[in-house]
Amino acid sequence: MTTTAKPRTVRCPACGGPSEYSPANAWRPFCCERCKNHDFGAWASESYRVADPAVPGGDAAEGDTLPRH
């Protein structure tokens, strides 16, 4: 006897609605293509940013990301 496990449901990171987290959902973890594209657009327009690590010593000029030697 084979049993199929119920697909896991997670919260969509974009809209907060339920999203099936399984290979059957091509947009996982998003619930739909619209939510996936909305998130992609936020990254493309630089609404989301990865923080620049602080320069050790703190002697770098503003905007300078390389340590001075």
N, C-alpha and C. Protein backbone atom coordinates (compact mmCIF):
# COMPACT_ATOMS: atom_id res chain seq x y z
N MET A 1 0.84 -1.16 0.00
CA MET A 1 0.00 0.00 0.00
C MET A 1 0.90 1.24 0.00
N THR A 2 0.66 2.13 -0.92
CA THR A 2 1.43 3.37 -0.96
C THR A 2 0.55 4.51 -0.47
N THR A 3 1.15 5.35 0.28
CA THR A 3 0.44 6.52 0.77
C THR A 3 1.16 7.75 0.26
N THR A 4 0.41 8.70 -0.15
CA THR A 4 1.01 9.95 -0.59
C THR A 4 0.87 10.97 0.52
N ALA A 5 1.98 11.57 0.86
CA ALA A 5 1.97 12.56 1.92
C ALA A 5 1.31 13.84 1.43
N LYS A 6 0.59 14.47 2.31
CA LYS A 6 -0.05 15.73 1.99
C LYS A 6 1.05 16.78 1.80
N PRO A 7 1.00 17.56 0.71
CA PRO A 7 2.03 18.57 0.49
C PRO A 7 2.04 19.61 1.62
N ARG A 8 3.22 20.05 1.97
CA ARG A 8 3.37 21.04 3.03
C ARG A 8 2.87 22.39 2.54
N THR A 9 2.16 23.10 3.39
CA THR A 9 1.66 24.43 3.07
C THR A 9 2.44 25.44 3.91
N VAL A 10 2.98 26.45 3.23
CA VAL A 10 3.74 27.51 3.89
C VAL A 10 3.08 28.85 3.58
N ARG A 11 3.52 29.87 4.28
CA ARG A 11 3.01 31.22 4.04
C ARG A 11 3.78 31.85 2.88
N CYS A 12 3.09 32.40 1.91
CA CYS A 12 3.72 33.08 0.78
C CYS A 12 4.47 34.30 1.30
N PRO A 13 5.77 34.46 0.97
CA PRO A 13 6.53 35.60 1.48
C PRO A 13 6.04 36.94 0.95
N ALA A 14 5.33 36.94 -0.16
CA ALA A 14 4.87 38.21 -0.74
C ALA A 14 3.52 38.66 -0.21
N CYS A 15 2.52 37.76 -0.27
CA CYS A 15 1.17 38.17 0.12
C CYS A 15 0.71 37.60 1.45
N GLY A 16 1.42 36.59 1.96
CA GLY A 16 1.05 36.00 3.24
C GLY A 16 0.00 34.92 3.14
N GLY A 17 -0.47 34.64 1.94
CA GLY A 17 -1.47 33.60 1.75
C GLY A 17 -0.85 32.21 1.77
N PRO A 18 -1.68 31.18 1.74
CA PRO A 18 -1.15 29.82 1.75
C PRO A 18 -0.49 29.47 0.42
N SER A 19 0.61 28.74 0.50
CA SER A 19 1.34 28.33 -0.68
C SER A 19 1.78 26.88 -0.51
N GLU A 20 1.51 26.07 -1.51
CA GLU A 20 1.91 24.66 -1.47
C GLU A 20 3.41 24.57 -1.76
N TYR A 21 4.15 24.01 -0.82
CA TYR A 21 5.60 23.88 -0.99
C TYR A 21 5.90 22.47 -1.46
N SER A 22 5.79 22.28 -2.78
CA SER A 22 6.06 20.97 -3.37
C SER A 22 6.49 21.19 -4.82
N PRO A 23 7.06 20.17 -5.44
CA PRO A 23 7.46 20.29 -6.84
C PRO A 23 6.30 20.63 -7.78
N ALA A 24 5.08 20.39 -7.36
CA ALA A 24 3.91 20.71 -8.17
C ALA A 24 3.70 22.23 -8.29
N ASN A 25 4.25 23.01 -7.36
CA ASN A 25 4.12 24.46 -7.38
C ASN A 25 5.38 25.05 -7.99
N ALA A 26 5.30 25.47 -9.24
CA ALA A 26 6.46 26.00 -9.96
C ALA A 26 6.98 27.30 -9.38
N TRP A 27 6.20 27.98 -8.57
CA TRP A 27 6.60 29.28 -8.03
C TRP A 27 7.01 29.22 -6.57
N ARG A 28 7.13 28.02 -5.99
CA ARG A 28 7.42 27.92 -4.57
C ARG A 28 8.65 28.71 -4.19
N PRO A 29 8.71 29.37 -3.09
CA PRO A 29 7.76 29.36 -1.98
C PRO A 29 6.59 30.33 -2.18
N PHE A 30 6.52 30.98 -3.33
CA PHE A 30 5.42 31.91 -3.59
C PHE A 30 4.18 31.14 -4.01
N CYS A 31 3.02 31.78 -3.86
CA CYS A 31 1.77 31.09 -4.17
C CYS A 31 1.42 31.16 -5.65
N CYS A 32 1.95 32.16 -6.35
CA CYS A 32 1.61 32.31 -7.75
C CYS A 32 2.71 33.08 -8.48
N GLU A 33 2.60 33.13 -9.79
CA GLU A 33 3.59 33.83 -10.60
C GLU A 33 3.62 35.33 -10.28
N ARG A 34 2.46 35.90 -9.99
CA ARG A 34 2.38 37.33 -9.68
C ARG A 34 3.22 37.67 -8.45
N CYS A 35 3.10 36.88 -7.38
CA CYS A 35 3.87 37.12 -6.16
C CYS A 35 5.37 36.94 -6.42
N LYS A 36 5.73 35.94 -7.19
CA LYS A 36 7.14 35.71 -7.52
C LYS A 36 7.70 36.90 -8.30
N ASN A 37 6.96 37.39 -9.29
CA ASN A 37 7.42 38.53 -10.08
C ASN A 37 7.48 39.82 -9.27
N HIS A 38 6.56 39.97 -8.35
CA HIS A 38 6.56 41.14 -7.47
C HIS A 38 7.85 41.17 -6.64
N ASP A 39 8.23 40.04 -6.09
CA ASP A 39 9.46 39.94 -5.31
C ASP A 39 10.69 40.17 -6.19
N PHE A 40 10.69 39.59 -7.38
CA PHE A 40 11.81 39.78 -8.30
C PHE A 40 11.95 41.25 -8.68
N GLY A 41 10.82 41.92 -8.90
CA GLY A 41 10.84 43.35 -9.23
C GLY A 41 11.41 44.19 -8.10
N ALA A 42 11.13 43.81 -6.86
CA ALA A 42 11.67 44.54 -5.71
C ALA A 42 13.19 44.41 -5.67
N TRP A 43 13.71 43.22 -5.97
CA TRP A 43 15.17 43.05 -6.02
C TRP A 43 15.75 43.84 -7.19
N ALA A 44 15.09 43.81 -8.36
CA ALA A 44 15.60 44.49 -9.55
C ALA A 44 15.61 46.00 -9.38
N SER A 45 14.65 46.54 -8.64
CA SER A 45 14.60 47.99 -8.42
C SER A 45 15.39 48.41 -7.18
N GLU A 46 16.10 47.46 -6.59
CA GLU A 46 16.95 47.68 -5.42
C GLU A 46 16.17 48.10 -4.17
N SER A 47 14.91 47.64 -4.07
CA SER A 47 14.15 47.87 -2.85
C SER A 47 14.72 47.01 -1.72
N TYR A 48 15.26 45.85 -2.09
CA TYR A 48 15.93 44.99 -1.12
C TYR A 48 17.43 45.17 -1.36
N ARG A 49 18.19 45.24 -0.29
CA ARG A 49 19.64 45.36 -0.43
C ARG A 49 20.33 44.50 0.60
N VAL A 50 21.49 44.02 0.24
CA VAL A 50 22.33 43.26 1.15
C VAL A 50 23.28 44.27 1.79
N ALA A 51 23.36 44.25 3.10
CA ALA A 51 24.20 45.22 3.81
C ALA A 51 25.66 45.02 3.46
N ASP A 52 26.38 46.14 3.34
CA ASP A 52 27.81 46.12 3.10
C ASP A 52 28.50 45.92 4.44
N PRO A 53 29.37 44.93 4.55
CA PRO A 53 30.04 44.72 5.84
C PRO A 53 30.92 45.91 6.20
N ALA A 54 31.02 46.19 7.48
CA ALA A 54 31.83 47.32 7.95
C ALA A 54 33.30 47.03 7.68
N VAL A 55 34.02 48.08 7.39
CA VAL A 55 35.45 47.96 7.13
C VAL A 55 36.17 47.87 8.47
N PRO A 56 37.05 46.88 8.65
CA PRO A 56 37.78 46.77 9.92
C PRO A 56 38.64 48.00 10.15
N GLY A 57 38.66 48.50 11.36
CA GLY A 57 39.46 49.67 11.71
C GLY A 57 38.72 50.98 11.57
N GLY A 58 37.72 51.02 10.71
CA GLY A 58 36.90 52.22 10.57
C GLY A 58 37.64 53.42 9.99
N ASP A 59 38.79 53.23 9.31
CA ASP A 59 39.53 54.37 8.79
C ASP A 59 39.29 54.60 7.30
N ALA A 60 38.37 53.88 6.70
CA ALA A 60 38.09 54.04 5.28
C ALA A 60 37.20 55.26 5.06
N ALA A 61 37.39 55.90 3.92
CA ALA A 61 36.56 57.05 3.57
C ALA A 61 35.15 56.56 3.27
N GLU A 62 34.17 57.46 3.37
CA GLU A 62 32.78 57.09 3.15
C GLU A 62 32.62 56.54 1.73
N GLY A 63 31.99 55.39 1.58
CA GLY A 63 31.79 54.77 0.29
C GLY A 63 32.94 53.88 -0.13
N ASP A 64 34.06 53.96 0.53
CA ASP A 64 35.22 53.14 0.22
C ASP A 64 35.03 51.79 0.89
N THR A 65 35.03 50.71 0.10
CA THR A 65 34.79 49.39 0.68
C THR A 65 36.07 48.59 0.87
N LEU A 66 37.20 49.07 0.35
CA LEU A 66 38.45 48.33 0.48
C LEU A 66 39.28 48.92 1.62
N PRO A 67 39.90 48.07 2.43
CA PRO A 67 40.75 48.59 3.51
C PRO A 67 42.00 49.25 2.92
N ARG A 68 42.43 50.29 3.56
CA ARG A 68 43.63 51.00 3.10
C ARG A 68 44.86 50.38 3.73
N HIS A 69 45.95 50.31 2.97
CA HIS A 69 47.19 49.71 3.45
C HIS A 69 48.26 50.74 3.60
